[in-house]
Amino acid sequence: MYELLLADINGVIASPVWSGKSIEVIPDNYFGKIKNPNEYCRLFILPTTGTREAYGGLTSLSGLIALKIFVKAGEGQKRIMQISGELDSVFKNKKLNNGTELGTSHLRVEGIDSDNSSLYSASYFITFKHYGD
């Protein structure tokens, strides 16, 4: 079930609809080169609860998808808001290929990044529910 959830989310990120927006999304725990270090998102998938049948396997999984948005500092919140809107256009209230259902989103603007003062950051969250076999 976890693999199907990951495939659904990665499918959105790899789709022509998203890749045409030219906003790189990298997975958490990625240490490679970032194409544009002045603007990118870092993806976290956070399963929080699951349900099981009495004698069966996992039947549903829910949680949050979090994308930490990084943009160039000193230019206000406009670009953070634009990227959040673009994320909503591909995620909000969607049902994905492997059955993952996405809900509503919210945004937490965090300000100047504590690790790199040349970046401004926010966290975009969206709920998910994935049903098993």
N, C-alpha and C. Protein backbone atom coordinates (compact mmCIF):
# COMPACT_ATOMS: atom_id res chain seq x y z
N MET A 1 0.81 -1.19 0.00
CA MET A 1 0.00 0.00 0.00
C MET A 1 0.86 1.27 0.00
N TYR A 2 1.95 1.25 0.75
CA TYR A 2 2.84 2.41 0.81
C TYR A 2 3.44 2.70 -0.57
N GLU A 3 3.78 1.63 -1.29
CA GLU A 3 4.37 1.80 -2.61
C GLU A 3 3.38 2.44 -3.58
N LEU A 4 2.09 2.05 -3.49
CA LEU A 4 1.07 2.63 -4.37
C LEU A 4 0.86 4.11 -4.05
N LEU A 5 0.87 4.44 -2.78
CA LEU A 5 0.76 5.83 -2.36
C LEU A 5 1.91 6.65 -2.95
N LEU A 6 3.13 6.15 -2.79
CA LEU A 6 4.31 6.84 -3.31
C LEU A 6 4.22 6.97 -4.84
N ALA A 7 3.80 5.91 -5.51
CA ALA A 7 3.66 5.95 -6.97
C ALA A 7 2.64 7.01 -7.40
N ASP A 8 1.54 7.11 -6.68
CA ASP A 8 0.53 8.14 -6.99
C ASP A 8 1.12 9.54 -6.89
N ILE A 9 1.78 9.83 -5.81
CA ILE A 9 2.32 11.18 -5.59
C ILE A 9 3.43 11.48 -6.60
N ASN A 10 4.33 10.52 -6.79
CA ASN A 10 5.40 10.73 -7.77
C ASN A 10 4.85 10.86 -9.19
N GLY A 11 3.73 10.18 -9.47
CA GLY A 11 3.10 10.31 -10.78
C GLY A 11 2.62 11.72 -11.05
N VAL A 12 2.12 12.38 -10.05
CA VAL A 12 1.69 13.78 -10.21
C VAL A 12 2.91 14.66 -10.48
N ILE A 13 3.97 14.46 -9.69
CA ILE A 13 5.17 15.29 -9.82
C ILE A 13 5.84 15.07 -11.19
N ALA A 14 5.79 13.84 -11.70
CA ALA A 14 6.43 13.52 -12.98
C ALA A 14 5.55 13.84 -14.18
N SER A 15 4.29 14.19 -13.96
CA SER A 15 3.36 14.42 -15.06
C SER A 15 3.75 15.66 -15.86
N PRO A 16 3.38 15.69 -17.13
CA PRO A 16 3.64 16.88 -17.95
C PRO A 16 2.96 18.13 -17.39
N VAL A 17 1.81 17.95 -16.74
CA VAL A 17 1.10 19.09 -16.16
C VAL A 17 1.99 19.78 -15.12
N TRP A 18 2.64 19.00 -14.25
CA TRP A 18 3.50 19.61 -13.23
C TRP A 18 4.85 20.00 -13.81
N SER A 19 5.48 19.13 -14.58
CA SER A 19 6.83 19.43 -15.08
C SER A 19 6.83 20.67 -15.97
N GLY A 20 5.71 20.99 -16.60
CA GLY A 20 5.61 22.20 -17.40
C GLY A 20 5.67 23.47 -16.58
N LYS A 21 5.50 23.36 -15.27
CA LYS A 21 5.54 24.52 -14.39
C LYS A 21 6.97 24.90 -14.00
N SER A 22 7.94 24.03 -14.29
CA SER A 22 9.37 24.28 -14.03
C SER A 22 9.67 24.56 -12.57
N ILE A 23 8.97 23.87 -11.67
CA ILE A 23 9.25 23.97 -10.24
C ILE A 23 9.73 22.59 -9.79
N GLU A 24 11.01 22.49 -9.49
CA GLU A 24 11.58 21.19 -9.13
C GLU A 24 11.07 20.73 -7.77
N VAL A 25 10.66 19.47 -7.71
CA VAL A 25 10.26 18.84 -6.46
C VAL A 25 11.23 17.70 -6.20
N ILE A 26 11.90 17.77 -5.06
CA ILE A 26 12.86 16.73 -4.72
C ILE A 26 12.37 15.99 -3.48
N PRO A 27 12.65 14.70 -3.39
CA PRO A 27 12.19 13.95 -2.22
C PRO A 27 13.01 14.28 -0.99
N ASP A 28 12.39 14.12 0.16
CA ASP A 28 13.12 14.24 1.41
C ASP A 28 14.25 13.21 1.38
N ASN A 29 15.34 13.50 2.01
CA ASN A 29 16.50 12.61 2.09
C ASN A 29 17.23 12.52 0.75
N TYR A 30 17.12 13.53 -0.09
CA TYR A 30 17.83 13.61 -1.37
C TYR A 30 19.06 14.48 -1.17
N PHE A 31 20.21 13.99 -1.62
CA PHE A 31 21.45 14.74 -1.43
C PHE A 31 22.11 15.13 -2.74
N GLY A 32 21.42 14.95 -3.86
CA GLY A 32 21.98 15.30 -5.16
C GLY A 32 21.92 16.79 -5.43
N LYS A 33 22.25 17.12 -6.66
CA LYS A 33 22.27 18.52 -7.08
C LYS A 33 20.85 19.03 -7.33
N ILE A 34 20.56 20.21 -6.87
CA ILE A 34 19.28 20.88 -7.12
C ILE A 34 19.49 21.81 -8.30
N LYS A 35 18.63 21.69 -9.31
CA LYS A 35 18.81 22.46 -10.55
C LYS A 35 18.76 23.96 -10.31
N ASN A 36 17.79 24.42 -9.54
CA ASN A 36 17.66 25.85 -9.24
C ASN A 36 17.63 26.01 -7.72
N PRO A 37 18.76 26.23 -7.08
CA PRO A 37 18.78 26.33 -5.62
C PRO A 37 18.07 27.56 -5.06
N ASN A 38 17.58 28.45 -5.93
CA ASN A 38 16.82 29.62 -5.49
C ASN A 38 15.32 29.38 -5.47
N GLU A 39 14.87 28.21 -6.02
CA GLU A 39 13.44 27.92 -6.02
C GLU A 39 13.22 26.42 -6.24
N TYR A 40 12.68 25.77 -5.23
CA TYR A 40 12.39 24.35 -5.32
C TYR A 40 11.48 23.95 -4.17
N CYS A 41 10.97 22.72 -4.25
CA CYS A 41 10.15 22.16 -3.18
C CYS A 41 10.76 20.84 -2.73
N ARG A 42 10.64 20.55 -1.46
CA ARG A 42 11.09 19.27 -0.90
C ARG A 42 9.84 18.52 -0.44
N LEU A 43 9.69 17.26 -0.91
CA LEU A 43 8.50 16.46 -0.68
C LEU A 43 8.65 15.52 0.51
N PHE A 44 7.65 15.52 1.38
CA PHE A 44 7.57 14.61 2.52
C PHE A 44 6.20 13.95 2.47
N ILE A 45 6.14 12.63 2.57
CA ILE A 45 4.87 11.91 2.67
C ILE A 45 4.80 11.38 4.09
N LEU A 46 3.76 11.79 4.81
CA LEU A 46 3.67 11.52 6.24
C LEU A 46 2.42 10.70 6.57
N PRO A 47 2.50 9.36 6.45
CA PRO A 47 1.36 8.53 6.86
C PRO A 47 1.16 8.66 8.37
N THR A 48 -0.08 8.86 8.79
CA THR A 48 -0.32 9.04 10.23
C THR A 48 -1.18 7.94 10.83
N THR A 49 -2.17 7.44 10.09
CA THR A 49 -3.03 6.38 10.64
C THR A 49 -3.35 5.36 9.57
N GLY A 50 -3.60 4.15 10.01
CA GLY A 50 -4.01 3.09 9.11
C GLY A 50 -5.06 2.24 9.78
N THR A 51 -5.85 1.54 8.97
CA THR A 51 -6.85 0.63 9.53
C THR A 51 -6.56 -0.77 9.00
N ARG A 52 -6.95 -1.77 9.79
CA ARG A 52 -6.74 -3.17 9.42
C ARG A 52 -8.04 -3.94 9.60
N GLU A 53 -8.20 -4.97 8.76
CA GLU A 53 -9.28 -5.92 8.99
C GLU A 53 -8.86 -6.82 10.15
N ALA A 54 -9.81 -7.52 10.76
CA ALA A 54 -9.51 -8.36 11.92
C ALA A 54 -8.38 -9.35 11.64
N TYR A 55 -8.39 -10.02 10.49
CA TYR A 55 -7.36 -11.00 10.18
C TYR A 55 -6.67 -10.71 8.86
N GLY A 56 -6.82 -9.51 8.37
CA GLY A 56 -6.25 -9.18 7.07
C GLY A 56 -5.15 -8.15 7.19
N GLY A 57 -4.78 -7.63 6.06
CA GLY A 57 -3.73 -6.63 6.01
C GLY A 57 -4.26 -5.23 6.18
N LEU A 58 -3.41 -4.30 5.92
CA LEU A 58 -3.75 -2.88 6.00
C LEU A 58 -4.82 -2.56 4.97
N THR A 59 -5.91 -1.94 5.37
CA THR A 59 -7.00 -1.65 4.45
C THR A 59 -7.11 -0.18 4.08
N SER A 60 -6.58 0.71 4.89
CA SER A 60 -6.55 2.12 4.51
C SER A 60 -5.40 2.81 5.24
N LEU A 61 -4.99 3.90 4.66
CA LEU A 61 -3.88 4.67 5.17
C LEU A 61 -4.22 6.13 4.96
N SER A 62 -3.99 6.96 5.96
CA SER A 62 -4.24 8.38 5.79
C SER A 62 -3.08 9.17 6.38
N GLY A 63 -3.03 10.44 6.03
CA GLY A 63 -1.97 11.29 6.55
C GLY A 63 -1.88 12.60 5.79
N LEU A 64 -0.66 13.10 5.72
CA LEU A 64 -0.39 14.38 5.08
C LEU A 64 0.70 14.25 4.04
N ILE A 65 0.55 15.00 2.99
CA ILE A 65 1.65 15.23 2.05
C ILE A 65 2.12 16.64 2.36
N ALA A 66 3.40 16.78 2.58
CA ALA A 66 3.96 18.09 2.90
C ALA A 66 5.01 18.45 1.85
N LEU A 67 4.94 19.65 1.37
CA LEU A 67 5.96 20.17 0.47
C LEU A 67 6.52 21.44 1.08
N LYS A 68 7.79 21.41 1.37
CA LYS A 68 8.47 22.60 1.88
C LYS A 68 8.89 23.40 0.66
N ILE A 69 8.39 24.61 0.56
CA ILE A 69 8.64 25.47 -0.59
C ILE A 69 9.77 26.44 -0.24
N PHE A 70 10.75 26.52 -1.13
CA PHE A 70 11.86 27.46 -0.96
C PHE A 70 11.89 28.41 -2.16
N VAL A 71 11.96 29.70 -1.89
CA VAL A 71 12.10 30.72 -2.94
C VAL A 71 13.17 31.71 -2.49
N LYS A 72 13.59 32.53 -3.43
CA LYS A 72 14.61 33.54 -3.13
C LYS A 72 14.08 34.53 -2.10
N ALA A 73 14.88 34.81 -1.09
CA ALA A 73 14.48 35.75 -0.03
C ALA A 73 14.49 37.19 -0.55
N GLY A 74 13.74 38.03 0.14
CA GLY A 74 13.75 39.46 -0.15
C GLY A 74 12.76 39.91 -1.20
N GLU A 75 11.88 39.01 -1.64
CA GLU A 75 10.93 39.36 -2.68
C GLU A 75 9.48 39.23 -2.23
N GLY A 76 9.26 39.11 -0.92
CA GLY A 76 7.91 39.03 -0.39
C GLY A 76 7.32 37.63 -0.52
N GLN A 77 6.00 37.54 -0.29
CA GLN A 77 5.32 36.25 -0.28
C GLN A 77 4.69 35.87 -1.62
N LYS A 78 4.74 36.72 -2.60
CA LYS A 78 4.02 36.48 -3.85
C LYS A 78 4.37 35.14 -4.48
N ARG A 79 5.65 34.82 -4.61
CA ARG A 79 6.04 33.57 -5.29
C ARG A 79 5.61 32.35 -4.48
N ILE A 80 5.69 32.43 -3.15
CA ILE A 80 5.21 31.33 -2.29
C ILE A 80 3.72 31.08 -2.58
N MET A 81 2.95 32.14 -2.66
CA MET A 81 1.51 32.01 -2.91
C MET A 81 1.24 31.45 -4.31
N GLN A 82 2.02 31.87 -5.30
CA GLN A 82 1.85 31.35 -6.65
C GLN A 82 2.14 29.84 -6.70
N ILE A 83 3.22 29.42 -6.08
CA ILE A 83 3.57 28.00 -6.08
C ILE A 83 2.50 27.20 -5.34
N SER A 84 1.99 27.72 -4.25
CA SER A 84 0.91 27.05 -3.51
C SER A 84 -0.32 26.86 -4.39
N GLY A 85 -0.65 27.86 -5.16
CA GLY A 85 -1.77 27.77 -6.10
C GLY A 85 -1.52 26.72 -7.17
N GLU A 86 -0.29 26.64 -7.64
CA GLU A 86 0.07 25.62 -8.64
C GLU A 86 -0.03 24.22 -8.03
N LEU A 87 0.40 24.06 -6.78
CA LEU A 87 0.27 22.77 -6.10
C LEU A 87 -1.20 22.40 -5.95
N ASP A 88 -2.03 23.36 -5.57
CA ASP A 88 -3.47 23.10 -5.47
C ASP A 88 -4.04 22.61 -6.80
N SER A 89 -3.55 23.18 -7.90
CA SER A 89 -4.11 22.82 -9.21
C SER A 89 -3.87 21.36 -9.57
N VAL A 90 -2.84 20.73 -9.01
CA VAL A 90 -2.57 19.32 -9.33
C VAL A 90 -2.91 18.36 -8.19
N PHE A 91 -3.08 18.87 -6.97
CA PHE A 91 -3.34 18.00 -5.83
C PHE A 91 -4.73 18.15 -5.20
N LYS A 92 -5.18 19.36 -4.98
CA LYS A 92 -6.37 19.61 -4.16
C LYS A 92 -7.61 18.88 -4.67
N ASN A 93 -8.21 18.08 -3.77
CA ASN A 93 -9.46 17.35 -4.03
C ASN A 93 -9.39 16.42 -5.25
N LYS A 94 -8.23 15.83 -5.50
CA LYS A 94 -8.06 14.93 -6.63
C LYS A 94 -8.10 13.47 -6.17
N LYS A 95 -8.48 12.59 -7.10
CA LYS A 95 -8.35 11.14 -6.90
C LYS A 95 -7.31 10.67 -7.90
N LEU A 96 -6.25 10.03 -7.40
CA LEU A 96 -5.12 9.66 -8.25
C LEU A 96 -5.25 8.24 -8.78
N ASN A 97 -4.39 7.87 -9.70
CA ASN A 97 -4.48 6.60 -10.43
C ASN A 97 -4.58 5.36 -9.56
N ASN A 98 -3.84 5.28 -8.48
CA ASN A 98 -3.84 4.09 -7.63
C ASN A 98 -4.84 4.20 -6.48
N GLY A 99 -5.74 5.18 -6.55
CA GLY A 99 -6.81 5.28 -5.56
C GLY A 99 -6.57 6.24 -4.42
N THR A 100 -5.45 6.92 -4.40
CA THR A 100 -5.21 7.90 -3.34
C THR A 100 -6.15 9.08 -3.53
N GLU A 101 -6.86 9.43 -2.47
CA GLU A 101 -7.76 10.57 -2.51
C GLU A 101 -7.15 11.72 -1.70
N LEU A 102 -7.10 12.87 -2.33
CA LEU A 102 -6.51 14.04 -1.70
C LEU A 102 -7.60 15.01 -1.27
N GLY A 103 -7.34 15.71 -0.19
CA GLY A 103 -8.33 16.64 0.35
C GLY A 103 -7.95 18.08 0.13
N THR A 104 -8.14 18.85 1.19
CA THR A 104 -7.87 20.28 1.12
C THR A 104 -6.45 20.57 1.61
N SER A 105 -5.99 21.74 1.28
CA SER A 105 -4.61 22.11 1.62
C SER A 105 -4.60 23.27 2.61
N HIS A 106 -3.45 23.45 3.22
CA HIS A 106 -3.21 24.68 3.97
C HIS A 106 -1.73 25.02 3.88
N LEU A 107 -1.41 26.25 4.13
CA LEU A 107 -0.06 26.78 3.96
C LEU A 107 0.40 27.43 5.25
N ARG A 108 1.63 27.13 5.63
CA ARG A 108 2.24 27.78 6.79
C ARG A 108 3.49 28.52 6.30
N VAL A 109 3.41 29.83 6.25
CA VAL A 109 4.56 30.64 5.84
C VAL A 109 5.53 30.70 7.01
N GLU A 110 6.79 30.37 6.74
CA GLU A 110 7.77 30.27 7.82
C GLU A 110 8.79 31.41 7.81
N GLY A 111 9.02 32.04 6.68
CA GLY A 111 9.95 33.16 6.61
C GLY A 111 11.33 32.75 6.16
N ILE A 112 12.32 33.53 6.54
CA ILE A 112 13.70 33.27 6.15
C ILE A 112 14.12 31.90 6.66
N ASP A 113 14.69 31.10 5.78
CA ASP A 113 15.10 29.74 6.13
C ASP A 113 16.25 29.78 7.12
N SER A 114 16.16 28.98 8.17
CA SER A 114 17.19 28.98 9.21
C SER A 114 18.52 28.38 8.74
N ASP A 115 18.49 27.55 7.70
CA ASP A 115 19.73 26.94 7.19
C ASP A 115 20.38 27.74 6.07
N ASN A 116 19.60 28.62 5.42
CA ASN A 116 20.14 29.39 4.30
C ASN A 116 19.37 30.72 4.23
N SER A 117 19.99 31.77 4.70
CA SER A 117 19.30 33.07 4.79
C SER A 117 18.99 33.70 3.43
N SER A 118 19.47 33.11 2.34
CA SER A 118 19.12 33.63 1.02
C SER A 118 17.80 33.05 0.52
N LEU A 119 17.19 32.15 1.33
CA LEU A 119 15.92 31.53 0.95
C LEU A 119 14.81 31.89 1.92
N TYR A 120 13.61 31.98 1.38
CA TYR A 120 12.38 32.22 2.14
C TYR A 120 11.57 30.93 2.00
N SER A 121 10.91 30.49 3.08
CA SER A 121 10.25 29.19 3.00
C SER A 121 8.84 29.19 3.57
N ALA A 122 8.10 28.17 3.14
CA ALA A 122 6.75 27.89 3.64
C ALA A 122 6.52 26.40 3.52
N SER A 123 5.57 25.89 4.27
CA SER A 123 5.19 24.49 4.16
C SER A 123 3.75 24.39 3.68
N TYR A 124 3.57 23.61 2.63
CA TYR A 124 2.26 23.36 2.03
C TYR A 124 1.85 21.95 2.46
N PHE A 125 0.66 21.80 3.03
CA PHE A 125 0.17 20.50 3.50
C PHE A 125 -1.14 20.17 2.80
N ILE A 126 -1.31 18.89 2.48
CA ILE A 126 -2.58 18.42 1.94
C ILE A 126 -2.86 17.04 2.50
N THR A 127 -4.10 16.80 2.89
CA THR A 127 -4.47 15.52 3.47
C THR A 127 -4.63 14.46 2.39
N PHE A 128 -4.39 13.18 2.76
CA PHE A 128 -4.64 12.09 1.83
C PHE A 128 -5.28 10.92 2.55
N LYS A 129 -5.94 10.08 1.76
CA LYS A 129 -6.50 8.81 2.22
C LYS A 129 -6.26 7.82 1.08
N HIS A 130 -5.68 6.67 1.42
CA HIS A 130 -5.42 5.64 0.42
C HIS A 130 -6.06 4.34 0.91
N TYR A 131 -6.84 3.72 0.06
CA TYR A 131 -7.55 2.49 0.41
C TYR A 131 -6.84 1.29 -0.21
N GLY A 132 -6.70 0.22 0.60
CA GLY A 132 -6.04 -1.00 0.12
C GLY A 132 -7.01 -1.92 -0.59
N ASP A 133 -6.52 -3.13 -0.85
CA ASP A 133 -7.33 -4.14 -1.56
C ASP A 133 -8.38 -4.73 -0.68
